[in-house]
């Protein structure tokens, strides 16, 4: 759909590859739009049974491209980043992910809406929202406490320090940890296996698992989104973003 989001369809699996390896696959406004369109198209395409998310260059995603993000800040529920998250929440077919290298910000929180996640041993997850003067997003304030418990959720979201695959497994964010060299093979095998199952049975089962909390998840996305936009205009966030950009310019 674009050179920064590669698509591949094979054996019922639609693979979406975040493709800005020179920028650690950091998301731009255009990438969010392309990914949202791909997810919505997959939802109505009978040839697609499973969606697999991955990143180019042994990296999942470094989260938002800060420069692009400052040029296109979310201003409401119809902003590109929020529409992408909503498309993930509403995806009727299974969404899998193969995660390698850094998975920062939304690179971690989007996994909360995936149905199966394989991570490499060297992956580093990071939700640095507080450090940037922001707040939890992606319904992480709802889902991580439920999955990981309040103690670990508070540690991951309040301190916002990087954590490894073992911690992500303990938190319930991922399903499986594998050597980096076998990551794509294992993820592709899991996707093909799920695509070979009876499609309607898979769809109904996912709906039974995810459906009961979808309304609450959307409500949380909206509540977090409003606070996130409010925080973007804060002095704390502006200072943090400028410091980040300054560090980047000195490299």
C-alpha atoms as a PDB file:
ATOM      1  CA  UNK A   1       0.000   0.000   0.000  1.00  0.00           C
ATOM      2  CA  UNK A   2       3.043   2.237   0.447  1.00  0.00           C
ATOM      3  CA  UNK A   3       6.787   1.794   0.553  1.00  0.00           C
ATOM      4  CA  UNK A   4       6.725   2.225   4.343  1.00  0.00           C
ATOM      5  CA  UNK A   5       4.090  -0.483   4.832  1.00  0.00           C
ATOM      6  CA  UNK A   6       4.721  -3.608   2.785  1.00  0.00           C
ATOM      7  CA  UNK A   7       1.925  -6.115   2.217  1.00  0.00           C
ATOM      8  CA  UNK A   8       2.164  -9.777   1.284  1.00  0.00           C
ATOM      9  CA  UNK A   9      -0.666 -12.275   0.893  1.00  0.00           C
ATOM     10  CA  UNK A  10       0.037 -15.981   0.987  1.00  0.00           C
ATOM     11  CA  UNK A  11      -1.958 -19.033   2.115  1.00  0.00           C
ATOM     12  CA  UNK A  12      -4.657 -16.901   3.735  1.00  0.00           C
ATOM     13  CA  UNK A  13      -2.151 -14.769   5.659  1.00  0.00           C
ATOM     14  CA  UNK A  14      -1.808 -11.032   5.082  1.00  0.00           C
ATOM     15  CA  UNK A  15       1.608  -9.901   6.340  1.00  0.00           C
ATOM     16  CA  UNK A  16       1.978  -6.194   7.081  1.00  0.00           C
ATOM     17  CA  UNK A  17       5.618  -5.139   7.415  1.00  0.00           C
ATOM     18  CA  UNK A  18       6.542  -1.774   8.922  1.00  0.00           C
ATOM     19  CA  UNK A  19       9.258  -0.664   6.534  1.00  0.00           C
ATOM     20  CA  UNK A  20      11.384   2.270   7.671  1.00  0.00           C
ATOM     21  CA  UNK A  21      14.420   0.345   8.922  1.00  0.00           C
ATOM     22  CA  UNK A  22      16.657   3.421   8.650  1.00  0.00           C
ATOM     23  CA  UNK A  23      14.331   5.055  11.253  1.00  0.00           C
ATOM     24  CA  UNK A  24      13.770   1.858  13.255  1.00  0.00           C
ATOM     25  CA  UNK A  25      10.342   1.612  11.603  1.00  0.00           C
ATOM     26  CA  UNK A  26       9.078   4.651  13.521  1.00  0.00           C
ATOM     27  CA  UNK A  27       5.474   5.394  12.604  1.00  0.00           C
ATOM     28  CA  UNK A  28       4.466   8.408  10.563  1.00  0.00           C
ATOM     29  CA  UNK A  29       0.965   9.781  10.002  1.00  0.00           C
ATOM     30  CA  UNK A  30       0.971   8.142   6.552  1.00  0.00           C
ATOM     31  CA  UNK A  31       1.977   4.765   7.989  1.00  0.00           C
ATOM     32  CA  UNK A  32      -0.917   4.840  10.450  1.00  0.00           C
ATOM     33  CA  UNK A  33      -3.312   5.626   7.622  1.00  0.00           C
ATOM     34  CA  UNK A  34      -1.925   2.818   5.454  1.00  0.00           C
ATOM     35  CA  UNK A  35      -2.027   0.279   8.287  1.00  0.00           C
ATOM     36  CA  UNK A  36      -5.604   1.242   9.173  1.00  0.00           C
ATOM     37  CA  UNK A  37      -6.703   0.872   5.557  1.00  0.00           C
ATOM     38  CA  UNK A  38      -4.996  -2.528   5.322  1.00  0.00           C
ATOM     39  CA  UNK A  39      -6.696  -3.793   8.482  1.00  0.00           C
ATOM     40  CA  UNK A  40     -10.113  -2.624   7.326  1.00  0.00           C
ATOM     41  CA  UNK A  41      -9.619  -4.195   3.914  1.00  0.00           C
ATOM     42  CA  UNK A  42      -8.532  -7.476   5.491  1.00  0.00           C
ATOM     43  CA  UNK A  43     -11.696  -7.523   7.600  1.00  0.00           C
ATOM     44  CA  UNK A  44     -13.885  -7.812   4.479  1.00  0.00           C
ATOM     45  CA  UNK A  45     -11.566  -9.872   2.257  1.00  0.00           C
ATOM     46  CA  UNK A  46     -12.586 -13.535   2.286  1.00  0.00           C
ATOM     47  CA  UNK A  47      -9.140 -14.509   1.025  1.00  0.00           C
ATOM     48  CA  UNK A  48      -7.537 -13.140   4.187  1.00  0.00           C
ATOM     49  CA  UNK A  49      -7.942 -15.283   7.285  1.00  0.00           C
ATOM     50  CA  UNK A  50      -5.107 -14.005   9.462  1.00  0.00           C
ATOM     51  CA  UNK A  51      -3.107 -10.768   9.692  1.00  0.00           C
ATOM     52  CA  UNK A  52       0.560 -10.888  10.732  1.00  0.00           C
ATOM     53  CA  UNK A  53       2.336  -7.707  11.866  1.00  0.00           C
ATOM     54  CA  UNK A  54       6.113  -7.475  11.712  1.00  0.00           C
ATOM     55  CA  UNK A  55       8.945  -5.018  11.087  1.00  0.00           C
ATOM     56  CA  UNK A  56      11.763  -4.779   8.571  1.00  0.00           C
ATOM     57  CA  UNK A  57      15.426  -4.884   9.491  1.00  0.00           C
ATOM     58  CA  UNK A  58      15.230  -6.899  12.723  1.00  0.00           C
ATOM     59  CA  UNK A  59      13.192  -4.117  14.349  1.00  0.00           C
ATOM     60  CA  UNK A  60       9.492  -4.039  15.188  1.00  0.00           C
ATOM     61  CA  UNK A  61       8.967  -0.296  15.656  1.00  0.00           C
ATOM     62  CA  UNK A  62      10.491   2.533  17.657  1.00  0.00           C
ATOM     63  CA  UNK A  63       6.988   3.958  18.104  1.00  0.00           C
ATOM     64  CA  UNK A  64       6.076   7.389  16.809  1.00  0.00           C
ATOM     65  CA  UNK A  65       8.444   9.345  14.614  1.00  0.00           C
ATOM     66  CA  UNK A  66       8.726  12.332  16.954  1.00  0.00           C
ATOM     67  CA  UNK A  67       9.331  14.881  14.195  1.00  0.00           C
ATOM     68  CA  UNK A  68       6.353  13.702  12.177  1.00  0.00           C
ATOM     69  CA  UNK A  69       4.302  13.369  15.356  1.00  0.00           C
ATOM     70  CA  UNK A  70       4.954  17.015  16.254  1.00  0.00           C
ATOM     71  CA  UNK A  71       3.870  18.041  12.758  1.00  0.00           C
ATOM     72  CA  UNK A  72       0.722  15.864  12.883  1.00  0.00           C
ATOM     73  CA  UNK A  73      -0.260  15.683  16.562  1.00  0.00           C
ATOM     74  CA  UNK A  74      -3.501  13.854  17.364  1.00  0.00           C
ATOM     75  CA  UNK A  75      -6.290  16.359  17.884  1.00  0.00           C
ATOM     76  CA  UNK A  76      -9.302  14.099  18.363  1.00  0.00           C
ATOM     77  CA  UNK A  77     -10.709  10.587  18.102  1.00  0.00           C
ATOM     78  CA  UNK A  78     -10.490  10.722  14.300  1.00  0.00           C
ATOM     79  CA  UNK A  79      -6.697  11.208  14.370  1.00  0.00           C
ATOM     80  CA  UNK A  80      -4.666   8.647  12.442  1.00  0.00           C
ATOM     81  CA  UNK A  81      -3.074   6.950  15.452  1.00  0.00           C
ATOM     82  CA  UNK A  82      -6.407   6.535  17.229  1.00  0.00           C
ATOM     83  CA  UNK A  83      -8.114   5.186  14.101  1.00  0.00           C
ATOM     84  CA  UNK A  84      -5.320   2.610  13.795  1.00  0.00           C
ATOM     85  CA  UNK A  85      -5.849   1.453  17.373  1.00  0.00           C
ATOM     86  CA  UNK A  86      -9.613   1.261  16.838  1.00  0.00           C
ATOM     87  CA  UNK A  87      -9.081  -0.843  13.710  1.00  0.00           C
ATOM     88  CA  UNK A  88      -6.947  -3.251  15.741  1.00  0.00           C
ATOM     89  CA  UNK A  89      -9.559  -3.491  18.493  1.00  0.00           C
ATOM     90  CA  UNK A  90     -12.333  -4.124  15.957  1.00  0.00           C
ATOM     91  CA  UNK A  91     -10.401  -6.584  13.749  1.00  0.00           C
ATOM     92  CA  UNK A  92     -12.728  -9.592  13.383  1.00  0.00           C
ATOM     93  CA  UNK A  93      -9.958 -11.920  12.231  1.00  0.00           C
ATOM     94  CA  UNK A  94      -6.916 -12.999  14.256  1.00  0.00           C
ATOM     95  CA  UNK A  95      -4.001 -10.556  14.344  1.00  0.00           C
ATOM     96  CA  UNK A  96      -0.582 -12.030  15.095  1.00  0.00           C
ATOM     97  CA  UNK A  97       2.740 -10.260  15.590  1.00  0.00           C
ATOM     98  CA  UNK A  98       6.419 -11.157  15.191  1.00  0.00           C
ATOM     99  CA  UNK A  99       8.458  -8.776  17.364  1.00  0.00           C
ATOM    100  CA  UNK A 100      12.201  -8.243  17.154  1.00  0.00           C
ATOM    101  CA  UNK A 101      14.533  -5.478  18.317  1.00  0.00           C
ATOM    102  CA  UNK A 102      12.925  -2.422  19.927  1.00  0.00           C
ATOM    103  CA  UNK A 103       9.160  -2.215  20.432  1.00  0.00           C
ATOM    104  CA  UNK A 104       8.617   1.278  21.809  1.00  0.00           C
ATOM    105  CA  UNK A 105       5.431   3.070  22.844  1.00  0.00           C
ATOM    106  CA  UNK A 106       2.641   2.001  20.546  1.00  0.00           C
ATOM    107  CA  UNK A 107       5.036  -0.728  19.397  1.00  0.00           C
ATOM    108  CA  UNK A 108       4.253  -2.358  22.735  1.00  0.00           C
ATOM    109  CA  UNK A 109       0.664  -1.249  23.312  1.00  0.00           C
ATOM    110  CA  UNK A 110      -0.567  -2.423  19.912  1.00  0.00           C
ATOM    111  CA  UNK A 111       0.399  -5.947  20.969  1.00  0.00           C
ATOM    112  CA  UNK A 112      -2.311  -5.854  23.638  1.00  0.00           C
ATOM    113  CA  UNK A 113      -4.839  -6.127  20.798  1.00  0.00           C
ATOM    114  CA  UNK A 114      -3.086  -8.975  18.981  1.00  0.00           C
ATOM    115  CA  UNK A 115      -4.255 -12.556  19.426  1.00  0.00           C
ATOM    116  CA  UNK A 116      -0.833 -14.216  19.380  1.00  0.00           C
ATOM    117  CA  UNK A 117       2.588 -12.601  19.729  1.00  0.00           C
ATOM    118  CA  UNK A 118       5.985 -14.203  19.144  1.00  0.00           C
ATOM    119  CA  UNK A 119       9.046 -12.260  20.312  1.00  0.00           C
ATOM    120  CA  UNK A 120      12.748 -12.797  19.870  1.00  0.00           C
ATOM    121  CA  UNK A 121      15.067 -13.266  22.832  1.00  0.00           C
ATOM    122  CA  UNK A 122      16.736  -9.922  22.119  1.00  0.00           C
ATOM    123  CA  UNK A 123      13.579  -7.791  21.953  1.00  0.00           C
ATOM    124  CA  UNK A 124      13.324  -4.715  24.191  1.00  0.00           C
ATOM    125  CA  UNK A 125       9.914  -3.354  25.067  1.00  0.00           C
ATOM    126  CA  UNK A 126       9.516   0.226  26.273  1.00  0.00           C
ATOM    127  CA  UNK A 127       6.536   2.417  27.190  1.00  0.00           C
ATOM    128  CA  UNK A 128       8.226   5.784  27.945  1.00  0.00           C
ATOM    129  CA  UNK A 129       5.023   7.808  28.098  1.00  0.00           C
ATOM    130  CA  UNK A 130       5.666   9.353  31.512  1.00  0.00           C
ATOM    131  CA  UNK A 131       9.245  10.295  30.564  1.00  0.00           C
ATOM    132  CA  UNK A 132       7.809  12.215  27.605  1.00  0.00           C
ATOM    133  CA  UNK A 133       5.317  14.030  29.810  1.00  0.00           C
ATOM    134  CA  UNK A 134       2.449  11.979  28.362  1.00  0.00           C
ATOM    135  CA  UNK A 135       0.228   9.199  29.714  1.00  0.00           C
ATOM    136  CA  UNK A 136      -0.750   5.621  28.985  1.00  0.00           C
ATOM    137  CA  UNK A 137      -2.310   4.962  25.558  1.00  0.00           C
ATOM    138  CA  UNK A 138      -3.615   2.055  23.504  1.00  0.00           C
ATOM    139  CA  UNK A 139      -5.945   0.992  26.360  1.00  0.00           C
ATOM    140  CA  UNK A 140      -2.821  -0.057  28.267  1.00  0.00           C
ATOM    141  CA  UNK A 141      -4.175   1.463  31.489  1.00  0.00           C
ATOM    142  CA  UNK A 142      -7.043  -1.032  31.304  1.00  0.00           C
ATOM    143  CA  UNK A 143      -5.463  -4.100  29.758  1.00  0.00           C
ATOM    144  CA  UNK A 144      -2.010  -4.326  31.337  1.00  0.00           C
ATOM    145  CA  UNK A 145      -3.328  -4.313  34.939  1.00  0.00           C
ATOM    146  CA  UNK A 146      -5.759  -7.075  33.983  1.00  0.00           C
ATOM    147  CA  UNK A 147      -3.096  -9.130  32.264  1.00  0.00           C
ATOM    148  CA  UNK A 148      -0.095  -8.462  34.488  1.00  0.00           C
ATOM    149  CA  UNK A 149      -1.602  -7.406  37.805  1.00  0.00           C
ATOM    150  CA  UNK A 150      -1.468  -3.938  39.314  1.00  0.00           C
ATOM    151  CA  UNK A 151       2.050  -4.219  40.738  1.00  0.00           C
ATOM    152  CA  UNK A 152       3.787  -5.058  37.450  1.00  0.00           C
ATOM    153  CA  UNK A 153       1.483  -2.770  35.427  1.00  0.00           C
ATOM    154  CA  UNK A 154       2.358   0.161  37.677  1.00  0.00           C
ATOM    155  CA  UNK A 155       6.066  -0.613  37.352  1.00  0.00           C
ATOM    156  CA  UNK A 156       5.976  -0.798  33.568  1.00  0.00           C
ATOM    157  CA  UNK A 157       3.776   2.263  33.003  1.00  0.00           C
ATOM    158  CA  UNK A 158       4.888   4.630  35.776  1.00  0.00           C
ATOM    159  CA  UNK A 159       8.645   4.061  35.605  1.00  0.00           C
ATOM    160  CA  UNK A 160       8.482   3.515  31.832  1.00  0.00           C
ATOM    161  CA  UNK A 161      11.790   1.671  31.758  1.00  0.00           C
ATOM    162  CA  UNK A 162      12.740  -0.831  29.025  1.00  0.00           C
ATOM    163  CA  UNK A 163      11.970  -4.471  29.755  1.00  0.00           C
ATOM    164  CA  UNK A 164      12.895  -7.780  28.195  1.00  0.00           C
ATOM    165  CA  UNK A 165      10.975 -10.634  26.612  1.00  0.00           C
ATOM    166  CA  UNK A 166      10.874 -12.626  29.864  1.00  0.00           C
ATOM    167  CA  UNK A 167       9.112  -9.724  31.602  1.00  0.00           C
ATOM    168  CA  UNK A 168       6.706  -9.300  28.676  1.00  0.00           C
ATOM    169  CA  UNK A 169       5.901 -13.011  28.894  1.00  0.00           C
ATOM    170  CA  UNK A 170       5.269 -12.709  32.639  1.00  0.00           C
ATOM    171  CA  UNK A 171       3.041  -9.700  31.956  1.00  0.00           C
ATOM    172  CA  UNK A 172       0.988 -11.622  29.386  1.00  0.00           C
ATOM    173  CA  UNK A 173       1.877  -9.224  26.577  1.00  0.00           C
ATOM    174  CA  UNK A 174       3.458 -11.969  24.449  1.00  0.00           C
ATOM    175  CA  UNK A 175       2.868 -15.704  23.991  1.00  0.00           C
ATOM    176  CA  UNK A 176       6.246 -17.124  23.084  1.00  0.00           C
ATOM    177  CA  UNK A 177       9.961 -16.273  23.095  1.00  0.00           C
ATOM    178  CA  UNK A 178      12.209 -17.745  20.391  1.00  0.00           C
ATOM    179  CA  UNK A 179      15.759 -17.210  19.086  1.00  0.00           C
ATOM    180  CA  UNK A 180      15.971 -14.231  16.741  1.00  0.00           C
ATOM    181  CA  UNK A 181      17.005 -16.395  13.805  1.00  0.00           C
ATOM    182  CA  UNK A 182      13.790 -18.450  14.006  1.00  0.00           C
ATOM    183  CA  UNK A 183      11.346 -15.626  14.791  1.00  0.00           C
ATOM    184  CA  UNK A 184       9.892 -15.122  11.329  1.00  0.00           C
ATOM    185  CA  UNK A 185       9.673 -18.857  10.656  1.00  0.00           C
ATOM    186  CA  UNK A 186       7.822 -19.548  13.910  1.00  0.00           C
ATOM    187  CA  UNK A 187       5.447 -16.604  13.436  1.00  0.00           C
ATOM    188  CA  UNK A 188       4.699 -17.583   9.832  1.00  0.00           C
ATOM    189  CA  UNK A 189       4.023 -21.179  10.880  1.00  0.00           C
ATOM    190  CA  UNK A 190       1.605 -20.066  13.607  1.00  0.00           C
ATOM    191  CA  UNK A 191      -0.157 -17.748  11.142  1.00  0.00           C
ATOM    192  CA  UNK A 192      -0.466 -20.482   8.502  1.00  0.00           C
ATOM    193  CA  UNK A 193      -1.779 -22.940  11.070  1.00  0.00           C
ATOM    194  CA  UNK A 194      -4.463 -20.540  12.231  1.00  0.00           C
ATOM    195  CA  UNK A 195      -5.355 -19.670   8.637  1.00  0.00           C
ATOM    196  CA  UNK A 196      -5.933 -23.383   7.974  1.00  0.00           C
ATOM    197  CA  UNK A 197      -8.545 -23.672  10.736  1.00  0.00           C
ATOM    198  CA  UNK A 198     -12.262 -23.294   9.865  1.00  0.00           C
ATOM    199  CA  UNK A 199     -12.573 -19.553   9.286  1.00  0.00           C
ATOM    200  CA  UNK A 200     -15.980 -18.966  10.832  1.00  0.00           C
ATOM    201  CA  UNK A 201     -15.139 -21.038  13.903  1.00  0.00           C
ATOM    202  CA  UNK A 202     -12.004 -18.919  14.379  1.00  0.00           C
ATOM    203  CA  UNK A 203     -13.948 -15.693  13.936  1.00  0.00           C
ATOM    204  CA  UNK A 204     -16.676 -16.681  16.389  1.00  0.00           C
ATOM    205  CA  UNK A 205     -14.152 -17.846  18.973  1.00  0.00           C
ATOM    206  CA  UNK A 206     -12.198 -14.592  18.751  1.00  0.00           C
ATOM    207  CA  UNK A 207     -15.435 -12.660  19.174  1.00  0.00           C
ATOM    208  CA  UNK A 208     -16.292 -14.701  22.275  1.00  0.00           C
ATOM    209  CA  UNK A 209     -12.857 -13.941  23.730  1.00  0.00           C
ATOM    210  CA  UNK A 210     -12.590 -10.258  22.797  1.00  0.00           C
ATOM    211  CA  UNK A 211     -16.197  -9.133  22.335  1.00  0.00           C
ATOM    212  CA  UNK A 212     -17.279  -8.785  25.972  1.00  0.00           C
ATOM    213  CA  UNK A 213     -14.581  -6.210  26.741  1.00  0.00           C
ATOM    214  CA  UNK A 214     -14.562  -4.363  23.420  1.00  0.00           C
ATOM    215  CA  UNK A 215     -16.923  -1.588  24.527  1.00  0.00           C
ATOM    216  CA  UNK A 216     -14.849  -1.013  27.659  1.00  0.00           C
ATOM    217  CA  UNK A 217     -11.658  -1.024  25.584  1.00  0.00           C
ATOM    218  CA  UNK A 218     -13.054   1.624  23.234  1.00  0.00           C
ATOM    219  CA  UNK A 219     -14.149   3.722  26.198  1.00  0.00           C
ATOM    220  CA  UNK A 220     -10.639   3.473  27.630  1.00  0.00           C
ATOM    221  CA  UNK A 221      -9.092   4.439  24.288  1.00  0.00           C
ATOM    222  CA  UNK A 222     -11.281   7.541  24.252  1.00  0.00           C
ATOM    223  CA  UNK A 223     -10.503   8.442  27.868  1.00  0.00           C
ATOM    224  CA  UNK A 224      -6.759   7.920  27.421  1.00  0.00           C
ATOM    225  CA  UNK A 225      -6.845   9.757  24.087  1.00  0.00           C
ATOM    226  CA  UNK A 226      -8.394  12.851  25.639  1.00  0.00           C
ATOM    227  CA  UNK A 227      -5.785  12.878  28.412  1.00  0.00           C
ATOM    228  CA  UNK A 228      -3.000  12.181  25.885  1.00  0.00           C
ATOM    229  CA  UNK A 229      -4.008  15.178  23.758  1.00  0.00           C
ATOM    230  CA  UNK A 230      -4.224  17.304  26.900  1.00  0.00           C
ATOM    231  CA  UNK A 231      -0.749  16.159  27.955  1.00  0.00           C
ATOM    232  CA  UNK A 232       0.689  16.949  24.508  1.00  0.00           C
ATOM    233  CA  UNK A 233      -0.008  20.607  25.148  1.00  0.00           C
ATOM    234  CA  UNK A 234       1.601  20.573  28.581  1.00  0.00           C
ATOM    235  CA  UNK A 235       4.879  22.257  29.430  1.00  0.00           C
ATOM    236  CA  UNK A 236       6.239  18.887  30.609  1.00  0.00           C
ATOM    237  CA  UNK A 237       5.606  17.237  27.248  1.00  0.00           C
ATOM    238  CA  UNK A 238       6.895  20.172  25.201  1.00  0.00           C
ATOM    239  CA  UNK A 239      10.124  20.249  27.186  1.00  0.00           C
ATOM    240  CA  UNK A 240      10.544  16.478  26.936  1.00  0.00           C
ATOM    241  CA  UNK A 241       9.966  16.483  23.169  1.00  0.00           C
ATOM    242  CA  UNK A 242      12.380  19.333  22.586  1.00  0.00           C
ATOM    243  CA  UNK A 243      15.016  17.550  24.671  1.00  0.00           C
ATOM    244  CA  UNK A 244      14.463  14.384  22.637  1.00  0.00           C
ATOM    245  CA  UNK A 245      14.791  16.258  19.349  1.00  0.00           C
ATOM    246  CA  UNK A 246      17.906  18.029  20.611  1.00  0.00           C
ATOM    247  CA  UNK A 247      19.557  14.725  21.503  1.00  0.00           C
ATOM    248  CA  UNK A 248      18.697  13.355  18.064  1.00  0.00           C
ATOM    249  CA  UNK A 249      20.214  16.350  16.266  1.00  0.00           C
ATOM    250  CA  UNK A 250      23.500  15.904  18.119  1.00  0.00           C
ATOM    251  CA  UNK A 251      23.960  12.295  16.979  1.00  0.00           C
END
